[in-house]
Amino acid sequence: TVRALKPDNVGRTVSLGVSYTPTWDPTQSKLLLINGTDSNHIAWPDSGNTPELIVIEQVDPTNI
């Protein structure tokens, strides 16, 4: 979670992912595993079940 800078953003989420194109196959773009090795081993708690993405939720900074 991150602290929301504006009250309207509390509860909103953003999903971050990284794609890359291997030099050995420039016709194929792939998503980099940045949140674990598979859906059963997610590294960031409460960030969904897709290892290609990290989901970040904005929270009320006065409740932290």
PDB file of N, CA and C in Angstrom:
ATOM      1  N   THR A   1       0.837  -1.186   0.000  1.00  0.00           N
ATOM      2  CA  THR A   1       0.000   0.000   0.000  1.00  0.00           C
ATOM      3  C   THR A   1       0.877   1.242   0.000  1.00  0.00           C
ATOM      4  N   VAL A   2       0.343   2.319  -0.499  1.00  0.00           N
ATOM      5  CA  VAL A   2       1.008   3.619  -0.487  1.00  0.00           C
ATOM      6  C   VAL A   2       0.031   4.651   0.049  1.00  0.00           C
ATOM      7  N   ARG A   3       0.549   5.719   0.566  1.00  0.00           N
ATOM      8  CA  ARG A   3      -0.297   6.802   1.082  1.00  0.00           C
ATOM      9  C   ARG A   3      -0.851   7.616  -0.079  1.00  0.00           C
ATOM     10  N   ALA A   4      -2.158   7.794  -0.084  1.00  0.00           N
ATOM     11  CA  ALA A   4      -2.799   8.599  -1.121  1.00  0.00           C
ATOM     12  C   ALA A   4      -2.500  10.069  -0.872  1.00  0.00           C
ATOM     13  N   LEU A   5      -2.162  10.783  -1.922  1.00  0.00           N
ATOM     14  CA  LEU A   5      -1.898  12.214  -1.796  1.00  0.00           C
ATOM     15  C   LEU A   5      -3.175  13.029  -1.851  1.00  0.00           C
ATOM     16  N   LYS A   6      -4.234  12.451  -2.424  1.00  0.00           N
ATOM     17  CA  LYS A   6      -5.526  13.129  -2.522  1.00  0.00           C
ATOM     18  C   LYS A   6      -6.597  12.206  -1.948  1.00  0.00           C
ATOM     19  N   PRO A   7      -7.548  12.738  -1.190  1.00  0.00           N
ATOM     20  CA  PRO A   7      -8.610  11.901  -0.619  1.00  0.00           C
ATOM     21  C   PRO A   7      -9.375  11.087  -1.668  1.00  0.00           C
ATOM     22  N   ASP A   8      -9.547  11.641  -2.863  1.00  0.00           N
ATOM     23  CA  ASP A   8     -10.279  10.928  -3.916  1.00  0.00           C
ATOM     24  C   ASP A   8      -9.559   9.660  -4.376  1.00  0.00           C
ATOM     25  N   ASN A   9      -8.264   9.545  -4.094  1.00  0.00           N
ATOM     26  CA  ASN A   9      -7.492   8.385  -4.545  1.00  0.00           C
ATOM     27  C   ASN A   9      -7.504   7.219  -3.563  1.00  0.00           C
ATOM     28  N   VAL A  10      -8.043   7.420  -2.350  1.00  0.00           N
ATOM     29  CA  VAL A  10      -8.068   6.350  -1.350  1.00  0.00           C
ATOM     30  C   VAL A  10      -8.843   5.158  -1.909  1.00  0.00           C
ATOM     31  N   GLY A  11      -8.250   3.990  -1.835  1.00  0.00           N
ATOM     32  CA  GLY A  11      -8.875   2.772  -2.334  1.00  0.00           C
ATOM     33  C   GLY A  11      -8.570   2.455  -3.783  1.00  0.00           C
ATOM     34  N   ARG A  12      -8.027   3.403  -4.516  1.00  0.00           N
ATOM     35  CA  ARG A  12      -7.682   3.138  -5.913  1.00  0.00           C
ATOM     36  C   ARG A  12      -6.436   2.268  -5.978  1.00  0.00           C
ATOM     37  N   THR A  13      -6.356   1.477  -7.026  1.00  0.00           N
ATOM     38  CA  THR A  13      -5.198   0.608  -7.209  1.00  0.00           C
ATOM     39  C   THR A  13      -4.542   0.878  -8.551  1.00  0.00           C
ATOM     40  N   VAL A  14      -3.283   0.496  -8.635  1.00  0.00           N
ATOM     41  CA  VAL A  14      -2.544   0.530  -9.890  1.00  0.00           C
ATOM     42  C   VAL A  14      -1.800  -0.796  -9.996  1.00  0.00           C
ATOM     43  N   SER A  15      -1.755  -1.352 -11.183  1.00  0.00           N
ATOM     44  CA  SER A  15      -1.033  -2.602 -11.417  1.00  0.00           C
ATOM     45  C   SER A  15       0.216  -2.298 -12.226  1.00  0.00           C
ATOM     46  N   LEU A  16       1.350  -2.744 -11.720  1.00  0.00           N
ATOM     47  CA  LEU A  16       2.619  -2.497 -12.394  1.00  0.00           C
ATOM     48  C   LEU A  16       3.140  -3.794 -12.991  1.00  0.00           C
ATOM     49  N   GLY A  17       3.573  -3.722 -14.218  1.00  0.00           N
ATOM     50  CA  GLY A  17       4.162  -4.873 -14.888  1.00  0.00           C
ATOM     51  C   GLY A  17       5.296  -4.419 -15.782  1.00  0.00           C
ATOM     52  N   VAL A  18       6.187  -5.333 -16.118  1.00  0.00           N
ATOM     53  CA  VAL A  18       7.327  -5.026 -16.977  1.00  0.00           C
ATOM     54  C   VAL A  18       7.317  -6.014 -18.134  1.00  0.00           C
ATOM     55  N   SER A  19       7.353  -5.495 -19.353  1.00  0.00           N
ATOM     56  CA  SER A  19       7.462  -6.379 -20.510  1.00  0.00           C
ATOM     57  C   SER A  19       8.845  -6.213 -21.128  1.00  0.00           C
ATOM     58  N   TYR A  20       9.282  -7.252 -21.815  1.00  0.00           N
ATOM     59  CA  TYR A  20      10.590  -7.206 -22.467  1.00  0.00           C
ATOM     60  C   TYR A  20      10.527  -7.993 -23.764  1.00  0.00           C
ATOM     61  N   THR A  21      11.471  -7.716 -24.646  1.00  0.00           N
ATOM     62  CA  THR A  21      11.605  -8.440 -25.901  1.00  0.00           C
ATOM     63  C   THR A  21      12.980  -9.095 -25.918  1.00  0.00           C
ATOM     64  N   PRO A  22      13.044 -10.421 -25.923  1.00  0.00           N
ATOM     65  CA  PRO A  22      14.344 -11.098 -25.928  1.00  0.00           C
ATOM     66  C   PRO A  22      15.123 -10.796 -27.210  1.00  0.00           C
ATOM     67  N   THR A  23      16.429 -10.629 -27.084  1.00  0.00           N
ATOM     68  CA  THR A  23      17.252 -10.349 -28.268  1.00  0.00           C
ATOM     69  C   THR A  23      17.265 -11.534 -29.223  1.00  0.00           C
ATOM     70  N   TRP A  24      17.081 -12.755 -28.707  1.00  0.00           N
ATOM     71  CA  TRP A  24      17.100 -13.935 -29.564  1.00  0.00           C
ATOM     72  C   TRP A  24      15.781 -14.157 -30.294  1.00  0.00           C
ATOM     73  N   ASP A  25      14.725 -13.424 -29.900  1.00  0.00           N
ATOM     74  CA  ASP A  25      13.433 -13.545 -30.577  1.00  0.00           C
ATOM     75  C   ASP A  25      12.723 -12.198 -30.552  1.00  0.00           C
ATOM     76  N   PRO A  26      13.119 -11.268 -31.418  1.00  0.00           N
ATOM     77  CA  PRO A  26      12.551  -9.920 -31.393  1.00  0.00           C
ATOM     78  C   PRO A  26      11.084  -9.846 -31.805  1.00  0.00           C
ATOM     79  N   THR A  27      10.488 -10.972 -32.197  1.00  0.00           N
ATOM     80  CA  THR A  27       9.069 -10.964 -32.576  1.00  0.00           C
ATOM     81  C   THR A  27       8.158 -11.246 -31.391  1.00  0.00           C
ATOM     82  N   GLN A  28       8.724 -11.607 -30.248  1.00  0.00           N
ATOM     83  CA  GLN A  28       7.930 -11.994 -29.083  1.00  0.00           C
ATOM     84  C   GLN A  28       8.208 -11.090 -27.888  1.00  0.00           C
ATOM     85  N   SER A  29       7.193 -10.399 -27.406  1.00  0.00           N
ATOM     86  CA  SER A  29       7.307  -9.665 -26.144  1.00  0.00           C
ATOM     87  C   SER A  29       6.765 -10.551 -25.031  1.00  0.00           C
ATOM     88  N   LYS A  30       7.373 -10.458 -23.863  1.00  0.00           N
ATOM     89  CA  LYS A  30       6.964 -11.278 -22.727  1.00  0.00           C
ATOM     90  C   LYS A  30       6.839 -10.398 -21.496  1.00  0.00           C
ATOM     91  N   LEU A  31       6.056 -10.866 -20.517  1.00  0.00           N
ATOM     92  CA  LEU A  31       5.955 -10.170 -19.240  1.00  0.00           C
ATOM     93  C   LEU A  31       6.974 -10.758 -18.281  1.00  0.00           C
ATOM     94  N   LEU A  32       7.716  -9.899 -17.617  1.00  0.00           N
ATOM     95  CA  LEU A  32       8.717 -10.315 -16.650  1.00  0.00           C
ATOM     96  C   LEU A  32       8.033 -10.697 -15.346  1.00  0.00           C
ATOM     97  N   LEU A  33       8.406 -11.834 -14.759  1.00  0.00           N
ATOM     98  CA  LEU A  33       7.855 -12.241 -13.471  1.00  0.00           C
ATOM     99  C   LEU A  33       8.490 -11.377 -12.389  1.00  0.00           C
ATOM    100  N   ILE A  34       7.719 -10.448 -11.830  1.00  0.00           N
ATOM    101  CA  ILE A  34       8.254  -9.512 -10.842  1.00  0.00           C
ATOM    102  C   ILE A  34       7.604  -9.686  -9.478  1.00  0.00           C
ATOM    103  N   ASN A  35       6.650 -10.593  -9.370  1.00  0.00           N
ATOM    104  CA  ASN A  35       5.907 -10.745  -8.121  1.00  0.00           C
ATOM    105  C   ASN A  35       5.884 -12.200  -7.665  1.00  0.00           C
ATOM    106  N   GLY A  36       6.910 -12.949  -7.990  1.00  0.00           N
ATOM    107  CA  GLY A  36       6.975 -14.348  -7.600  1.00  0.00           C
ATOM    108  C   GLY A  36       7.216 -15.241  -8.800  1.00  0.00           C
ATOM    109  N   THR A  37       7.211 -16.546  -8.554  1.00  0.00           N
ATOM    110  CA  THR A  37       7.502 -17.494  -9.622  1.00  0.00           C
ATOM    111  C   THR A  37       6.257 -18.062 -10.283  1.00  0.00           C
ATOM    112  N   ASP A  38       5.136 -18.058  -9.576  1.00  0.00           N
ATOM    113  CA  ASP A  38       3.861 -18.507 -10.129  1.00  0.00           C
ATOM    114  C   ASP A  38       2.739 -18.028  -9.214  1.00  0.00           C
ATOM    115  N   SER A  39       1.498 -18.329  -9.579  1.00  0.00           N
ATOM    116  CA  SER A  39       0.357 -17.795  -8.824  1.00  0.00           C
ATOM    117  C   SER A  39       0.260 -18.348  -7.409  1.00  0.00           C
ATOM    118  N   ASN A  40       0.968 -19.429  -7.098  1.00  0.00           N
ATOM    119  CA  ASN A  40       0.954 -19.993  -5.747  1.00  0.00           C
ATOM    120  C   ASN A  40       2.062 -19.436  -4.856  1.00  0.00           C
ATOM    121  N   HIS A  41       2.962 -18.662  -5.417  1.00  0.00           N
ATOM    122  CA  HIS A  41       4.097 -18.127  -4.664  1.00  0.00           C
ATOM    123  C   HIS A  41       4.239 -16.627  -4.932  1.00  0.00           C
ATOM    124  N   ILE A  42       3.215 -15.846  -4.584  1.00  0.00           N
ATOM    125  CA  ILE A  42       3.229 -14.403  -4.804  1.00  0.00           C
ATOM    126  C   ILE A  42       4.092 -13.740  -3.736  1.00  0.00           C
ATOM    127  N   ALA A  43       5.007 -12.881  -4.169  1.00  0.00           N
ATOM    128  CA  ALA A  43       5.958 -12.254  -3.248  1.00  0.00           C
ATOM    129  C   ALA A  43       5.358 -11.082  -2.473  1.00  0.00           C
ATOM    130  N   TRP A  44       4.486 -10.308  -3.101  1.00  0.00           N
ATOM    131  CA  TRP A  44       3.901  -9.134  -2.446  1.00  0.00           C
ATOM    132  C   TRP A  44       2.527  -9.518  -1.919  1.00  0.00           C
ATOM    133  N   PRO A  45       2.340  -9.575  -0.594  1.00  0.00           N
ATOM    134  CA  PRO A  45       1.044  -9.967  -0.031  1.00  0.00           C
ATOM    135  C   PRO A  45      -0.095  -9.067  -0.522  1.00  0.00           C
ATOM    136  N   ASP A  46      -1.255  -9.660  -0.728  1.00  0.00           N
ATOM    137  CA  ASP A  46      -2.469  -8.932  -1.141  1.00  0.00           C
ATOM    138  C   ASP A  46      -2.295  -8.182  -2.455  1.00  0.00           C
ATOM    139  N   SER A  47      -1.456  -8.682  -3.355  1.00  0.00           N
ATOM    140  CA  SER A  47      -1.262  -8.003  -4.633  1.00  0.00           C
ATOM    141  C   SER A  47      -1.816  -8.818  -5.796  1.00  0.00           C
ATOM    142  N   GLY A  48      -2.821  -9.615  -5.510  1.00  0.00           N
ATOM    143  CA  GLY A  48      -3.437 -10.399  -6.569  1.00  0.00           C
ATOM    144  C   GLY A  48      -2.739 -11.733  -6.747  1.00  0.00           C
ATOM    145  N   ASN A  49      -3.075 -12.435  -7.820  1.00  0.00           N
ATOM    146  CA  ASN A  49      -2.495 -13.757  -8.045  1.00  0.00           C
ATOM    147  C   ASN A  49      -1.812 -13.870  -9.396  1.00  0.00           C
ATOM    148  N   THR A  50      -1.394 -12.746  -9.950  1.00  0.00           N
ATOM    149  CA  THR A  50      -0.712 -12.732 -11.232  1.00  0.00           C
ATOM    150  C   THR A  50       0.745 -12.341 -11.016  1.00  0.00           C
ATOM    151  N   PRO A  51       1.704 -13.264 -11.200  1.00  0.00           N
ATOM    152  CA  PRO A  51       3.087 -12.956 -10.893  1.00  0.00           C
ATOM    153  C   PRO A  51       3.719 -11.912 -11.810  1.00  0.00           C
ATOM    154  N   GLU A  52       3.047 -11.570 -12.909  1.00  0.00           N
ATOM    155  CA  GLU A  52       3.587 -10.548 -13.801  1.00  0.00           C
ATOM    156  C   GLU A  52       3.299  -9.138 -13.297  1.00  0.00           C
ATOM    157  N   LEU A  53       2.397  -9.014 -12.324  1.00  0.00           N
ATOM    158  CA  LEU A  53       1.955  -7.697 -11.872  1.00  0.00           C
ATOM    159  C   LEU A  53       2.112  -7.541 -10.373  1.00  0.00           C
ATOM    160  N   ILE A  54       2.364  -6.325  -9.953  1.00  0.00           N
ATOM    161  CA  ILE A  54       2.272  -5.951  -8.549  1.00  0.00           C
ATOM    162  C   ILE A  54       1.145  -4.936  -8.459  1.00  0.00           C
ATOM    163  N   VAL A  55       0.167  -5.202  -7.594  1.00  0.00           N
ATOM    164  CA  VAL A  55      -0.972  -4.310  -7.424  1.00  0.00           C
ATOM    165  C   VAL A  55      -0.746  -3.484  -6.164  1.00  0.00           C
ATOM    166  N   ILE A  56      -0.817  -2.159  -6.305  1.00  0.00           N
ATOM    167  CA  ILE A  56      -0.593  -1.247  -5.184  1.00  0.00           C
ATOM    168  C   ILE A  56      -1.882  -0.488  -4.913  1.00  0.00           C
ATOM    169  N   GLU A  57      -2.333  -0.509  -3.659  1.00  0.00           N
ATOM    170  CA  GLU A  57      -3.545   0.207  -3.259  1.00  0.00           C
ATOM    171  C   GLU A  57      -3.163   1.457  -2.482  1.00  0.00           C
ATOM    172  N   GLN A  58      -3.840   2.561  -2.778  1.00  0.00           N
ATOM    173  CA  GLN A  58      -3.618   3.810  -2.062  1.00  0.00           C
ATOM    174  C   GLN A  58      -4.498   3.833  -0.811  1.00  0.00           C
ATOM    175  N   VAL A  59      -3.913   4.246   0.301  1.00  0.00           N
ATOM    176  CA  VAL A  59      -4.634   4.260   1.573  1.00  0.00           C
ATOM    177  C   VAL A  59      -4.662   5.666   2.153  1.00  0.00           C
ATOM    178  N   ASP A  60      -5.584   5.870   3.073  1.00  0.00           N
ATOM    179  CA  ASP A  60      -5.720   7.148   3.769  1.00  0.00           C
ATOM    180  C   ASP A  60      -4.504   7.344   4.678  1.00  0.00           C
ATOM    181  N   PRO A  61      -3.700   8.396   4.459  1.00  0.00           N
ATOM    182  CA  PRO A  61      -2.485   8.583   5.251  1.00  0.00           C
ATOM    183  C   PRO A  61      -2.758   8.866   6.722  1.00  0.00           C
ATOM    184  N   THR A  62      -3.969   9.273   7.066  1.00  0.00           N
ATOM    185  CA  THR A  62      -4.271   9.549   8.471  1.00  0.00           C
ATOM    186  C   THR A  62      -4.592   8.278   9.247  1.00  0.00           C
ATOM    187  N   ASN A  63      -4.765   7.150   8.548  1.00  0.00           N
ATOM    188  CA  ASN A  63      -5.088   5.882   9.206  1.00  0.00           C
ATOM    189  C   ASN A  63      -3.899   4.932   9.273  1.00  0.00           C
ATOM    190  N   ILE A  64      -2.712   5.437   9.035  1.00  0.00           N
ATOM    191  CA  ILE A  64      -1.527   4.564   9.039  1.00  0.00           C
ATOM    192  C   ILE A  64      -0.849   4.629  10.385  1.00  0.00           C
TER     193      ILE A  64
END
